[in-house]
């Protein structure tokens, strides 16, 4: 009887050890899989900051605003507009293409980027939904505004759109006296109403002495046939020339 109990204890111990080993292997495999998932979720940008060779030299408007804010540790670039400002893969969008150029030209400052995509909101909705208060609160050093043309032209009259733009600019210039504010239209469209709307917006901006970066000047014929990445590349190149020359 004692022998039976002795062997039973040995057998039970072996079974417990074996089951423990299986549980340990399963747990180890789970931990490994979880770790691999975490690694996959880490963007490469968080590990290594992008450095680019810039074809530009610091000058013009960008140099002026940088000197004006040189005592500040951070230089904030902000872009606000319709989804035209982010209508492609994030890394290929105009704001994201501007960022490494700014970092290269302003090495002594921590250049940060904030993008506010109002999506399909018209200029009236932008004012009603306090987007402008968000811009003021962030207090950017340089602000690029796509003046919501892509959303306004088929939903508002040009008179209402221009009145809204005047309100936006009045609030911003009053509250952000040290901010360089530049208006820049969205991409061209083969639409006569859109073209007339945009031309009137440009004329109004020039009349009011707003800075207006008209990248349409750099677009080739049949621009709509280009891929969206190219749209943003043309827009970025034009803005950089506008800022530094």
Protein backbone atom coordinates (compact mmCIF):
# COMPACT_ATOMS: atom_id res chain seq x y z
CA UNK A 1 0.00 0.00 0.00
CA UNK A 2 2.82 2.36 0.88
CA UNK A 3 4.47 1.56 -2.46
CA UNK A 4 1.30 2.44 -4.30
CA UNK A 5 1.01 5.80 -2.51
CA UNK A 6 4.71 6.46 -3.21
CA UNK A 7 4.34 5.82 -6.95
CA UNK A 8 1.09 7.80 -7.05
CA UNK A 9 2.86 10.81 -5.54
CA UNK A 10 5.69 10.53 -8.07
CA UNK A 11 3.25 10.26 -10.97
CA UNK A 12 1.21 13.24 -9.73
CA UNK A 13 4.39 15.32 -9.37
CA UNK A 14 5.46 14.47 -12.93
CA UNK A 15 2.03 15.42 -14.26
CA UNK A 16 2.08 18.76 -12.36
CA UNK A 17 5.56 19.54 -13.67
CA UNK A 18 4.55 18.68 -17.22
CA UNK A 19 1.38 20.79 -17.08
CA UNK A 20 3.35 23.69 -15.57
CA UNK A 21 5.88 23.47 -18.39
CA UNK A 22 3.12 23.57 -21.03
CA UNK A 23 1.51 26.59 -19.31
CA UNK A 24 4.87 28.38 -19.13
CA UNK A 25 5.54 27.81 -22.85
CA UNK A 26 2.10 29.12 -23.78
CA UNK A 27 2.55 32.18 -21.61
CA UNK A 28 6.02 32.84 -23.03
CA UNK A 29 4.66 32.61 -26.60
CA UNK A 30 1.91 35.09 -25.71
CA UNK A 31 4.39 37.56 -24.23
CA UNK A 32 6.58 37.27 -27.33
CA UNK A 33 3.61 37.87 -29.66
CA UNK A 34 2.50 40.88 -27.60
CA UNK A 35 5.98 42.33 -27.73
CA UNK A 36 6.11 41.92 -31.50
CA UNK A 37 2.77 43.74 -31.79
CA UNK A 38 4.09 46.66 -29.77
CA UNK A 39 7.15 46.92 -31.96
CA UNK A 40 5.00 47.01 -35.08
CA UNK A 41 2.92 49.83 -33.68
CA UNK A 42 5.92 52.10 -33.11
CA UNK A 43 6.25 54.59 -36.01
CA UNK A 44 9.75 55.02 -37.36
CA UNK A 45 9.42 58.79 -37.01
CA UNK A 46 9.25 58.41 -33.24
CA UNK A 47 12.61 56.64 -33.22
CA UNK A 48 14.55 58.69 -35.75
CA UNK A 49 13.71 62.28 -36.68
CA UNK A 50 13.78 62.97 -40.40
CA UNK A 51 16.64 65.12 -41.64
CA UNK A 52 16.54 66.49 -45.18
CA UNK A 53 18.91 68.32 -47.44
CA UNK A 54 17.17 71.58 -48.26
CA UNK A 55 17.48 73.30 -51.62
CA UNK A 56 16.46 76.54 -49.91
CA UNK A 57 18.36 79.12 -47.88
CA UNK A 58 16.83 80.98 -44.98
CA UNK A 59 15.60 84.40 -46.06
CA UNK A 60 12.51 86.45 -46.79
CA UNK A 61 9.39 86.17 -44.64
CA UNK A 62 10.55 83.03 -42.84
CA UNK A 63 13.78 84.67 -41.70
CA UNK A 64 11.87 87.73 -40.48
CA UNK A 65 9.42 85.73 -38.38
CA UNK A 66 12.20 83.47 -37.06
CA UNK A 67 14.20 86.51 -35.88
CA UNK A 68 11.09 88.00 -34.36
CA UNK A 69 10.61 84.86 -32.27
CA UNK A 70 14.23 83.77 -31.82
CA UNK A 71 14.01 83.95 -28.02
CA UNK A 72 11.31 81.29 -28.07
CA UNK A 73 12.43 77.65 -27.82
CA UNK A 74 9.66 76.38 -30.09
CA UNK A 75 8.67 77.51 -33.58
CA UNK A 76 5.08 76.45 -34.30
CA UNK A 77 3.95 76.01 -37.90
CA UNK A 78 0.19 75.65 -38.20
CA UNK A 79 -1.94 74.77 -41.24
CA UNK A 80 -5.73 75.04 -41.24
CA UNK A 81 -8.15 74.34 -44.06
CA UNK A 82 -10.47 71.87 -45.69
CA UNK A 83 -9.42 68.29 -46.37
CA UNK A 84 -7.43 69.66 -49.30
CA UNK A 85 -4.56 70.13 -46.83
CA UNK A 86 -4.50 66.41 -46.01
CA UNK A 87 -5.94 64.75 -49.11
CA UNK A 88 -3.10 62.26 -49.53
CA UNK A 89 -0.99 59.95 -47.39
CA UNK A 90 0.05 61.91 -44.30
CA UNK A 91 3.78 61.85 -45.05
CA UNK A 92 3.09 63.18 -48.57
CA UNK A 93 0.78 66.03 -47.54
CA UNK A 94 1.78 69.66 -47.87
CA UNK A 95 2.08 70.32 -44.10
CA UNK A 96 4.21 67.22 -43.54
CA UNK A 97 6.44 68.14 -46.50
CA UNK A 98 6.95 71.64 -45.10
CA UNK A 99 7.97 70.41 -41.67
CA UNK A 100 11.40 68.87 -42.46
CA UNK A 101 12.27 71.89 -44.61
CA UNK A 102 11.53 74.20 -41.69
CA UNK A 103 13.53 72.01 -39.32
CA UNK A 104 16.53 72.16 -41.64
CA UNK A 105 16.33 75.95 -42.07
CA UNK A 106 15.70 76.63 -38.38
CA UNK A 107 18.12 74.24 -36.62
CA UNK A 108 18.33 76.32 -33.44
CA UNK A 109 14.60 76.08 -32.75
CA UNK A 110 12.32 73.17 -31.98
CA UNK A 111 9.98 73.28 -34.99
CA UNK A 112 6.55 71.78 -34.36
CA UNK A 113 3.57 71.30 -36.65
CA UNK A 114 -0.15 71.47 -35.97
CA UNK A 115 -2.68 70.69 -38.71
CA UNK A 116 -6.38 71.53 -38.32
CA UNK A 117 -8.48 69.79 -40.97
CA UNK A 118 -12.00 71.24 -40.84
CA UNK A 119 -13.08 68.49 -43.26
CA UNK A 120 -16.30 69.59 -45.02
CA UNK A 121 -17.04 72.62 -42.83
CA UNK A 122 -17.77 75.87 -44.66
CA UNK A 123 -16.27 79.16 -43.46
CA UNK A 124 -19.57 79.89 -41.67
CA UNK A 125 -19.31 76.60 -39.78
CA UNK A 126 -15.64 77.22 -39.03
CA UNK A 127 -16.59 80.46 -37.30
CA UNK A 128 -19.54 78.90 -35.47
CA UNK A 129 -17.54 75.90 -34.26
CA UNK A 130 -14.74 77.92 -32.66
CA UNK A 131 -11.93 76.71 -34.91
CA UNK A 132 -10.46 80.21 -34.91
CA UNK A 133 -10.33 80.24 -31.11
CA UNK A 134 -8.31 77.03 -31.29
CA UNK A 135 -5.83 78.67 -33.64
CA UNK A 136 -5.50 81.70 -31.36
CA UNK A 137 -5.00 79.49 -28.31
CA UNK A 138 -2.11 77.66 -30.04
CA UNK A 139 -0.46 80.99 -30.95
CA UNK A 140 1.50 79.79 -34.01
CA UNK A 141 4.54 81.60 -35.36
CA UNK A 142 3.51 80.93 -38.96
CA UNK A 143 -0.04 80.15 -40.03
CA UNK A 144 -1.05 78.86 -43.47
CA UNK A 145 -4.79 79.11 -44.17
CA UNK A 146 -6.57 77.36 -47.00
CA UNK A 147 -9.54 79.75 -46.85
CA UNK A 148 -12.14 76.97 -47.00
CA UNK A 149 -12.69 77.60 -50.70
CA UNK A 150 -13.15 73.94 -51.53
CA UNK A 151 -16.11 73.79 -49.13
CA UNK A 152 -17.55 77.25 -49.71
CA UNK A 153 -17.77 77.53 -53.48
CA UNK A 154 -20.79 75.26 -53.95
CA UNK A 155 -22.50 75.95 -50.61
CA UNK A 156 -22.14 79.70 -49.93
CA UNK A 157 -22.33 82.84 -51.99
CA UNK A 158 -19.03 84.54 -52.71
CA UNK A 159 -20.25 87.54 -50.69
CA UNK A 160 -20.84 85.41 -47.60
CA UNK A 161 -17.54 83.61 -48.03
CA UNK A 162 -15.59 86.88 -48.33
CA UNK A 163 -17.37 88.34 -45.33
CA UNK A 164 -16.45 85.25 -43.30
CA UNK A 165 -12.83 85.47 -44.44
CA UNK A 166 -12.71 89.10 -43.37
CA UNK A 167 -14.02 88.11 -39.93
CA UNK A 168 -11.47 85.32 -39.64
CA UNK A 169 -8.57 87.58 -40.61
CA UNK A 170 -9.77 90.40 -38.37
CA UNK A 171 -9.84 88.11 -35.33
CA UNK A 172 -6.50 86.53 -36.12
CA UNK A 173 -4.60 89.73 -36.84
CA UNK A 174 -5.95 91.31 -33.67
CA UNK A 175 -5.10 88.36 -31.41
CA UNK A 176 -1.95 87.10 -33.16
CA UNK A 177 -0.01 90.26 -33.89
CA UNK A 178 3.32 88.38 -34.04
CA UNK A 179 2.07 85.58 -36.29
CA UNK A 180 2.87 85.49 -40.01
CA UNK A 181 -0.45 84.62 -41.69
CA UNK A 182 -0.52 83.41 -45.29
CA UNK A 183 -3.59 82.52 -47.34
CA UNK A 184 -3.20 79.84 -49.99
CA UNK A 185 -5.98 78.31 -52.12
CA UNK A 186 -6.63 74.58 -52.43
CA UNK A 187 -5.78 72.67 -55.61
CA UNK A 188 -7.33 73.69 -58.96
CA UNK A 189 -10.53 72.08 -60.22
CA UNK A 190 -11.98 71.98 -63.71
CA UNK A 191 -15.12 73.79 -62.60
CA UNK A 192 -16.06 77.26 -63.88
CA UNK A 193 -17.88 78.25 -60.69
CA UNK A 194 -14.90 77.21 -58.58
CA UNK A 195 -12.56 79.18 -60.84
CA UNK A 196 -14.67 82.36 -60.63
CA UNK A 197 -15.00 81.95 -56.87
CA UNK A 198 -11.26 81.52 -56.41
CA UNK A 199 -10.41 84.49 -58.65
CA UNK A 200 -12.70 86.74 -56.63
CA UNK A 201 -11.18 85.44 -53.40
CA UNK A 202 -7.67 86.21 -54.67
CA UNK A 203 -8.65 89.72 -55.78
CA UNK A 204 -10.24 90.37 -52.39
CA UNK A 205 -7.16 89.11 -50.52
CA UNK A 206 -4.84 91.33 -52.56
CA UNK A 207 -7.14 94.32 -52.09
CA UNK A 208 -7.11 93.77 -48.33
CA UNK A 209 -3.31 93.36 -48.42
CA UNK A 210 -3.40 89.82 -47.08
CA UNK A 211 -0.45 87.61 -47.97
CA UNK A 212 -1.71 85.29 -50.69
CA UNK A 213 0.47 82.40 -51.91
CA UNK A 214 -1.12 81.48 -55.25
CA UNK A 215 0.47 78.13 -56.08
CA UNK A 216 -1.84 77.81 -59.10
CA UNK A 217 0.81 79.80 -60.95
CA UNK A 218 3.09 76.76 -60.77
CA UNK A 219 0.58 74.18 -61.96
CA UNK A 220 0.87 72.58 -65.41
CA UNK A 221 -2.02 72.20 -67.85
CA UNK A 222 -4.47 69.38 -67.03
CA UNK A 223 -3.44 69.55 -63.40
CA UNK A 224 -6.29 67.26 -62.31
CA UNK A 225 -4.63 64.35 -64.09
CA UNK A 226 -1.70 64.48 -61.67
CA UNK A 227 -1.63 62.17 -58.63
CA UNK A 228 -2.51 63.82 -55.33
CA UNK A 229 1.05 63.42 -54.07
CA UNK A 230 2.16 65.70 -56.92
CA UNK A 231 -0.49 68.27 -55.98
CA UNK A 232 1.00 68.54 -52.51
CA UNK A 233 4.56 68.60 -53.82
CA UNK A 234 3.77 71.56 -56.13
CA UNK A 235 1.98 73.34 -53.31
CA UNK A 236 4.89 72.79 -50.90
CA UNK A 237 7.55 73.96 -53.37
CA UNK A 238 5.61 77.13 -54.11
CA UNK A 239 5.09 77.91 -50.42
CA UNK A 240 8.79 77.40 -49.66
CA UNK A 241 9.74 79.83 -52.44
CA UNK A 242 7.12 82.25 -51.11
CA UNK A 243 8.51 82.02 -47.56
CA UNK A 244 12.24 82.36 -48.22
CA UNK A 245 12.54 84.65 -51.30
